[in-house]
Amino acid sequence: MPVATVPQLFIAGLGNLPYPMTRHSVGQLVIDALATRLGIQMKSDRGGYSGHGNVFIGSTSVNLTLFKSKSLMNISGPSIVKAYRQTVNSPASMIILTDSLDHRVTALSVKLGGSANGHNGVKSIISALGGESGFYRFRLGIGRDETDAAAYVLQRLSSHERQYWNNEGLDAILREIEKVALKAG
């Protein structure tokens, strides 16, 4: 009987470390929430903050690496791809947590592959992968208002948004991560 392998996943949260708790950095907020919930200790290295552990997500055992780049989001691709290549070997085992102006506040949209949809952080990752785009995007809805998009994304998350992504939103993300893990395993 064949031995079941434990799926390996790499999850990176897009954001800008100098601007924590902003809409643009919601991906990094979720990385911190995942690390806390799953008991993974994050450590600083040259390119970013990473943590690794063998954890259960739902009832699925997963070899998981979490990562936050120290580079600004729009140029974070090289550091994210370097960390990715040190852990997993398949784009379909990589999940990028990114803010999405196109989704209502607290919405979660999961997509495998495709274009960057104008998101410069995702463009940077695709470029660093040599054009490969077959990784998962977990688009975390931040909505939008009438103000300039650049100014809007740098506004602080509301207490409701922070609480959501640390609780019910995190639960929804974990359910989706388990689905990815089951496909990867």
C-alpha atoms as a PDB file:
ATOM      1  CA  MET A   1       0.000   0.000   0.000  1.00  0.00           C
ATOM      2  CA  PRO A   2       1.479   3.419  -0.948  1.00  0.00           C
ATOM      3  CA  VAL A   3       2.470   5.761   1.840  1.00  0.00           C
ATOM      4  CA  ALA A   4       0.476   8.990   1.863  1.00  0.00           C
ATOM      5  CA  THR A   5       2.606  12.092   1.598  1.00  0.00           C
ATOM      6  CA  VAL A   6       1.994  15.165   3.684  1.00  0.00           C
ATOM      7  CA  PRO A   7       1.221  18.114   1.404  1.00  0.00           C
ATOM      8  CA  GLN A   8       3.669  20.999   1.505  1.00  0.00           C
ATOM      9  CA  LEU A   9       2.283  24.514   1.184  1.00  0.00           C
ATOM     10  CA  PHE A  10       3.955  27.906   1.048  1.00  0.00           C
ATOM     11  CA  ILE A  11       1.813  30.920   1.969  1.00  0.00           C
ATOM     12  CA  ALA A  12       3.006  34.502   1.552  1.00  0.00           C
ATOM     13  CA  GLY A  13       1.106  37.564   2.684  1.00  0.00           C
ATOM     14  CA  LEU A  14       1.488  40.682   0.577  1.00  0.00           C
ATOM     15  CA  GLY A  15       1.847  44.001   2.329  1.00  0.00           C
ATOM     16  CA  ASN A  16       4.239  46.728   3.336  1.00  0.00           C
ATOM     17  CA  LEU A  17       5.930  46.205   6.706  1.00  0.00           C
ATOM     18  CA  PRO A  18       6.317  49.973   7.274  1.00  0.00           C
ATOM     19  CA  TYR A  19       2.506  50.294   6.974  1.00  0.00           C
ATOM     20  CA  PRO A  20       1.041  47.589   9.239  1.00  0.00           C
ATOM     21  CA  MET A  21      -2.681  47.360   9.817  1.00  0.00           C
ATOM     22  CA  THR A  22      -3.472  49.142   6.552  1.00  0.00           C
ATOM     23  CA  ARG A  23      -5.752  47.751   3.868  1.00  0.00           C
ATOM     24  CA  HIS A  24      -2.704  47.227   1.635  1.00  0.00           C
ATOM     25  CA  SER A  25      -1.076  45.031   4.302  1.00  0.00           C
ATOM     26  CA  VAL A  26      -4.066  42.813   5.099  1.00  0.00           C
ATOM     27  CA  GLY A  27      -2.189  39.818   3.636  1.00  0.00           C
ATOM     28  CA  GLN A  28       0.559  40.229   6.224  1.00  0.00           C
ATOM     29  CA  LEU A  29      -2.008  40.642   9.004  1.00  0.00           C
ATOM     30  CA  VAL A  30      -3.478  37.278   7.994  1.00  0.00           C
ATOM     31  CA  ILE A  31      -0.004  35.644   7.997  1.00  0.00           C
ATOM     32  CA  ASP A  32       0.421  36.821  11.594  1.00  0.00           C
ATOM     33  CA  ALA A  33      -3.050  35.498  12.479  1.00  0.00           C
ATOM     34  CA  LEU A  34      -2.265  32.118  10.855  1.00  0.00           C
ATOM     35  CA  ALA A  35       1.034  31.892  12.749  1.00  0.00           C
ATOM     36  CA  THR A  36      -0.721  32.607  16.043  1.00  0.00           C
ATOM     37  CA  ARG A  37      -3.622  30.215  15.395  1.00  0.00           C
ATOM     38  CA  LEU A  38      -1.375  27.375  14.189  1.00  0.00           C
ATOM     39  CA  GLY A  39       1.431  27.878  16.727  1.00  0.00           C
ATOM     40  CA  ILE A  40       4.089  28.722  14.141  1.00  0.00           C
ATOM     41  CA  GLN A  41       6.883  30.998  15.340  1.00  0.00           C
ATOM     42  CA  MET A  42       7.927  33.650  12.809  1.00  0.00           C
ATOM     43  CA  LYS A  43      11.632  34.497  12.587  1.00  0.00           C
ATOM     44  CA  SER A  44      13.423  37.284  10.773  1.00  0.00           C
ATOM     45  CA  ASP A  45      15.889  36.497   8.025  1.00  0.00           C
ATOM     46  CA  ARG A  46      17.444  38.592   5.296  1.00  0.00           C
ATOM     47  CA  GLY A  47      14.475  38.628   2.940  1.00  0.00           C
ATOM     48  CA  GLY A  48      11.583  38.602   5.347  1.00  0.00           C
ATOM     49  CA  TYR A  49       9.883  36.832   8.198  1.00  0.00           C
ATOM     50  CA  SER A  50       9.201  33.137   7.898  1.00  0.00           C
ATOM     51  CA  GLY A  51       7.856  30.328   9.985  1.00  0.00           C
ATOM     52  CA  HIS A  52       7.525  26.624   9.383  1.00  0.00           C
ATOM     53  CA  GLY A  53       5.618  23.793  10.994  1.00  0.00           C
ATOM     54  CA  ASN A  54       3.823  20.522  10.552  1.00  0.00           C
ATOM     55  CA  VAL A  55       0.272  21.443  11.462  1.00  0.00           C
ATOM     56  CA  PHE A  56      -3.277  20.215  11.149  1.00  0.00           C
ATOM     57  CA  ILE A  57      -5.607  22.375   9.114  1.00  0.00           C
ATOM     58  CA  GLY A  58      -9.010  20.922   9.740  1.00  0.00           C
ATOM     59  CA  SER A  59      -8.306  17.188   9.703  1.00  0.00           C
ATOM     60  CA  THR A  60      -5.486  17.494   7.156  1.00  0.00           C
ATOM     61  CA  SER A  61      -1.829  17.312   8.132  1.00  0.00           C
ATOM     62  CA  VAL A  62       0.170  19.980   6.274  1.00  0.00           C
ATOM     63  CA  ASN A  63       3.865  20.869   6.104  1.00  0.00           C
ATOM     64  CA  LEU A  64       3.372  24.648   6.095  1.00  0.00           C
ATOM     65  CA  THR A  65       5.670  27.611   5.541  1.00  0.00           C
ATOM     66  CA  LEU A  66       4.444  31.157   6.174  1.00  0.00           C
ATOM     67  CA  PHE A  67       6.277  34.209   4.785  1.00  0.00           C
ATOM     68  CA  LYS A  68       6.151  38.016   4.881  1.00  0.00           C
ATOM     69  CA  SER A  69       8.595  39.932   2.691  1.00  0.00           C
ATOM     70  CA  LYS A  70      10.630  42.845   4.059  1.00  0.00           C
ATOM     71  CA  SER A  71      10.501  44.401   0.574  1.00  0.00           C
ATOM     72  CA  LEU A  72       7.738  46.811  -0.335  1.00  0.00           C
ATOM     73  CA  MET A  73       4.810  44.974  -1.905  1.00  0.00           C
ATOM     74  CA  ASN A  74       5.332  46.128  -5.480  1.00  0.00           C
ATOM     75  CA  ILE A  75       8.908  44.739  -5.534  1.00  0.00           C
ATOM     76  CA  SER A  76       8.426  41.780  -3.186  1.00  0.00           C
ATOM     77  CA  GLY A  77       8.393  39.114  -5.924  1.00  0.00           C
ATOM     78  CA  PRO A  78      12.100  38.188  -5.788  1.00  0.00           C
ATOM     79  CA  SER A  79      12.144  37.663  -1.999  1.00  0.00           C
ATOM     80  CA  ILE A  80       8.853  35.731  -2.048  1.00  0.00           C
ATOM     81  CA  VAL A  81       9.994  33.507  -4.921  1.00  0.00           C
ATOM     82  CA  LYS A  82      13.357  32.837  -3.237  1.00  0.00           C
ATOM     83  CA  ALA A  83      11.573  31.688  -0.055  1.00  0.00           C
ATOM     84  CA  TYR A  84       9.068  29.678  -2.134  1.00  0.00           C
ATOM     85  CA  ARG A  85      11.829  27.840  -4.002  1.00  0.00           C
ATOM     86  CA  GLN A  86      13.461  26.872  -0.701  1.00  0.00           C
ATOM     87  CA  THR A  87      10.289  25.128   0.460  1.00  0.00           C
ATOM     88  CA  VAL A  88       7.974  23.803  -2.265  1.00  0.00           C
ATOM     89  CA  ASN A  89       8.491  22.862  -5.892  1.00  0.00           C
ATOM     90  CA  SER A  90       5.108  23.448  -7.461  1.00  0.00           C
ATOM     91  CA  PRO A  91       3.347  26.752  -8.128  1.00  0.00           C
ATOM     92  CA  ALA A  92       0.047  25.047  -7.219  1.00  0.00           C
ATOM     93  CA  SER A  93       1.484  24.622  -3.689  1.00  0.00           C
ATOM     94  CA  MET A  94       1.909  28.383  -3.279  1.00  0.00           C
ATOM     95  CA  ILE A  95      -0.805  30.658  -1.894  1.00  0.00           C
ATOM     96  CA  ILE A  96      -0.525  34.428  -2.034  1.00  0.00           C
ATOM     97  CA  LEU A  97      -2.721  36.430   0.341  1.00  0.00           C
ATOM     98  CA  THR A  98      -3.447  39.779  -1.274  1.00  0.00           C
ATOM     99  CA  ASP A  99      -5.707  42.765  -0.802  1.00  0.00           C
ATOM    100  CA  SER A 100      -8.442  43.242  -3.397  1.00  0.00           C
ATOM    101  CA  LEU A 101     -10.120  46.537  -4.212  1.00  0.00           C
ATOM    102  CA  ASP A 102     -12.493  44.598  -6.495  1.00  0.00           C
ATOM    103  CA  HIS A 103     -14.096  42.623  -3.655  1.00  0.00           C
ATOM    104  CA  ARG A 104     -16.346  43.959  -0.919  1.00  0.00           C
ATOM    105  CA  VAL A 105     -14.877  44.402   2.552  1.00  0.00           C
ATOM    106  CA  THR A 106     -14.265  41.020   4.251  1.00  0.00           C
ATOM    107  CA  ALA A 107     -15.010  38.997   1.104  1.00  0.00           C
ATOM    108  CA  LEU A 108     -12.670  36.114   0.274  1.00  0.00           C
ATOM    109  CA  SER A 109     -12.117  35.053  -3.319  1.00  0.00           C
ATOM    110  CA  VAL A 110      -9.875  32.124  -4.226  1.00  0.00           C
ATOM    111  CA  LYS A 111      -8.372  31.835  -7.684  1.00  0.00           C
ATOM    112  CA  LEU A 112      -5.761  29.507  -9.192  1.00  0.00           C
ATOM    113  CA  GLY A 113      -3.644  31.049 -11.931  1.00  0.00           C
ATOM    114  CA  GLY A 114      -4.508  33.816 -14.346  1.00  0.00           C
ATOM    115  CA  SER A 115      -3.353  37.383 -14.679  1.00  0.00           C
ATOM    116  CA  ALA A 116      -2.319  39.793 -11.954  1.00  0.00           C
ATOM    117  CA  ASN A 117      -5.527  41.815 -12.528  1.00  0.00           C
ATOM    118  CA  GLY A 118      -3.479  45.003 -12.231  1.00  0.00           C
ATOM    119  CA  HIS A 119      -2.108  44.128  -8.774  1.00  0.00           C
ATOM    120  CA  ASN A 120       1.542  45.187  -8.738  1.00  0.00           C
ATOM    121  CA  GLY A 121       2.519  42.791  -5.945  1.00  0.00           C
ATOM    122  CA  VAL A 122       1.153  39.829  -7.900  1.00  0.00           C
ATOM    123  CA  LYS A 123       2.836  41.173 -11.072  1.00  0.00           C
ATOM    124  CA  SER A 124       6.161  41.214  -9.205  1.00  0.00           C
ATOM    125  CA  ILE A 125       5.729  37.562  -8.191  1.00  0.00           C
ATOM    126  CA  ILE A 126       4.781  36.455 -11.719  1.00  0.00           C
ATOM    127  CA  SER A 127       7.807  38.312 -13.084  1.00  0.00           C
ATOM    128  CA  ALA A 128      10.131  36.726 -10.501  1.00  0.00           C
ATOM    129  CA  LEU A 129       8.728  33.313 -11.478  1.00  0.00           C
ATOM    130  CA  GLY A 130       9.651  33.976 -15.123  1.00  0.00           C
ATOM    131  CA  GLY A 131       6.032  34.408 -16.190  1.00  0.00           C
ATOM    132  CA  GLU A 132       4.621  31.422 -14.289  1.00  0.00           C
ATOM    133  CA  SER A 133       1.219  32.308 -12.869  1.00  0.00           C
ATOM    134  CA  GLY A 134      -0.183  28.941 -11.760  1.00  0.00           C
ATOM    135  CA  PHE A 135      -0.300  29.741  -8.044  1.00  0.00           C
ATOM    136  CA  TYR A 136      -3.264  30.435  -5.788  1.00  0.00           C
ATOM    137  CA  ARG A 137      -4.416  33.951  -5.010  1.00  0.00           C
ATOM    138  CA  PHE A 138      -6.531  34.395  -1.924  1.00  0.00           C
ATOM    139  CA  ARG A 139      -7.986  37.828  -2.583  1.00  0.00           C
ATOM    140  CA  LEU A 140      -9.020  39.521   0.645  1.00  0.00           C
ATOM    141  CA  GLY A 141     -11.708  42.102   0.005  1.00  0.00           C
ATOM    142  CA  ILE A 142     -10.956  45.635   1.155  1.00  0.00           C
ATOM    143  CA  GLY A 143     -13.640  47.347  -0.943  1.00  0.00           C
ATOM    144  CA  ARG A 144     -13.123  50.823  -2.296  1.00  0.00           C
ATOM    145  CA  ASP A 145     -14.537  54.308  -1.931  1.00  0.00           C
ATOM    146  CA  GLU A 146     -14.493  57.544  -3.931  1.00  0.00           C
ATOM    147  CA  THR A 147     -10.978  58.514  -2.801  1.00  0.00           C
ATOM    148  CA  ASP A 148      -7.802  57.863  -4.753  1.00  0.00           C
ATOM    149  CA  ALA A 149      -7.037  54.126  -4.691  1.00  0.00           C
ATOM    150  CA  ALA A 150      -3.434  54.697  -3.549  1.00  0.00           C
ATOM    151  CA  ALA A 151      -4.628  56.768  -0.588  1.00  0.00           C
ATOM    152  CA  TYR A 152      -7.451  54.329   0.182  1.00  0.00           C
ATOM    153  CA  VAL A 153      -5.236  51.238   0.456  1.00  0.00           C
ATOM    154  CA  LEU A 154      -2.953  53.024   2.926  1.00  0.00           C
ATOM    155  CA  GLN A 155      -5.837  53.768   5.300  1.00  0.00           C
ATOM    156  CA  ARG A 156      -5.871  51.746   8.501  1.00  0.00           C
ATOM    157  CA  LEU A 157      -8.128  48.717   8.672  1.00  0.00           C
ATOM    158  CA  SER A 158     -11.213  49.285  10.784  1.00  0.00           C
ATOM    159  CA  SER A 159     -11.501  47.402  14.068  1.00  0.00           C
ATOM    160  CA  HIS A 160     -14.266  45.333  12.414  1.00  0.00           C
ATOM    161  CA  GLU A 161     -11.910  44.347   9.531  1.00  0.00           C
ATOM    162  CA  ARG A 162      -9.047  43.461  11.892  1.00  0.00           C
ATOM    163  CA  GLN A 163     -11.356  41.396  14.081  1.00  0.00           C
ATOM    164  CA  TYR A 164     -12.891  39.658  11.048  1.00  0.00           C
ATOM    165  CA  TRP A 165      -9.556  38.576   9.522  1.00  0.00           C
ATOM    166  CA  ASN A 166      -8.397  37.313  12.934  1.00  0.00           C
ATOM    167  CA  ASN A 167     -11.577  35.270  13.540  1.00  0.00           C
ATOM    168  CA  GLU A 168     -14.344  34.369  11.049  1.00  0.00           C
ATOM    169  CA  GLY A 169     -12.289  35.430   8.033  1.00  0.00           C
ATOM    170  CA  LEU A 170      -9.368  33.342   9.252  1.00  0.00           C
ATOM    171  CA  ASP A 171     -11.705  30.364   9.656  1.00  0.00           C
ATOM    172  CA  ALA A 172     -12.804  30.787   6.012  1.00  0.00           C
ATOM    173  CA  ILE A 173      -9.176  31.086   4.866  1.00  0.00           C
ATOM    174  CA  LEU A 174      -8.235  27.921   6.768  1.00  0.00           C
ATOM    175  CA  ARG A 175     -11.089  26.008   5.081  1.00  0.00           C
ATOM    176  CA  GLU A 176      -9.765  27.117   1.677  1.00  0.00           C
ATOM    177  CA  ILE A 177      -6.164  26.244   2.630  1.00  0.00           C
ATOM    178  CA  GLU A 178      -7.342  22.744   3.550  1.00  0.00           C
ATOM    179  CA  LYS A 179      -8.930  22.380   0.091  1.00  0.00           C
ATOM    180  CA  VAL A 180      -5.631  23.407  -1.549  1.00  0.00           C
ATOM    181  CA  ALA A 181      -3.728  20.963   0.691  1.00  0.00           C
ATOM    182  CA  LEU A 182      -6.018  18.091  -0.256  1.00  0.00           C
ATOM    183  CA  LYS A 183      -5.404  18.811  -3.960  1.00  0.00           C
ATOM    184  CA  ALA A 184      -1.640  19.079  -3.388  1.00  0.00           C
ATOM    185  CA  GLY A 185      -1.397  15.870  -1.331  1.00  0.00           C
END
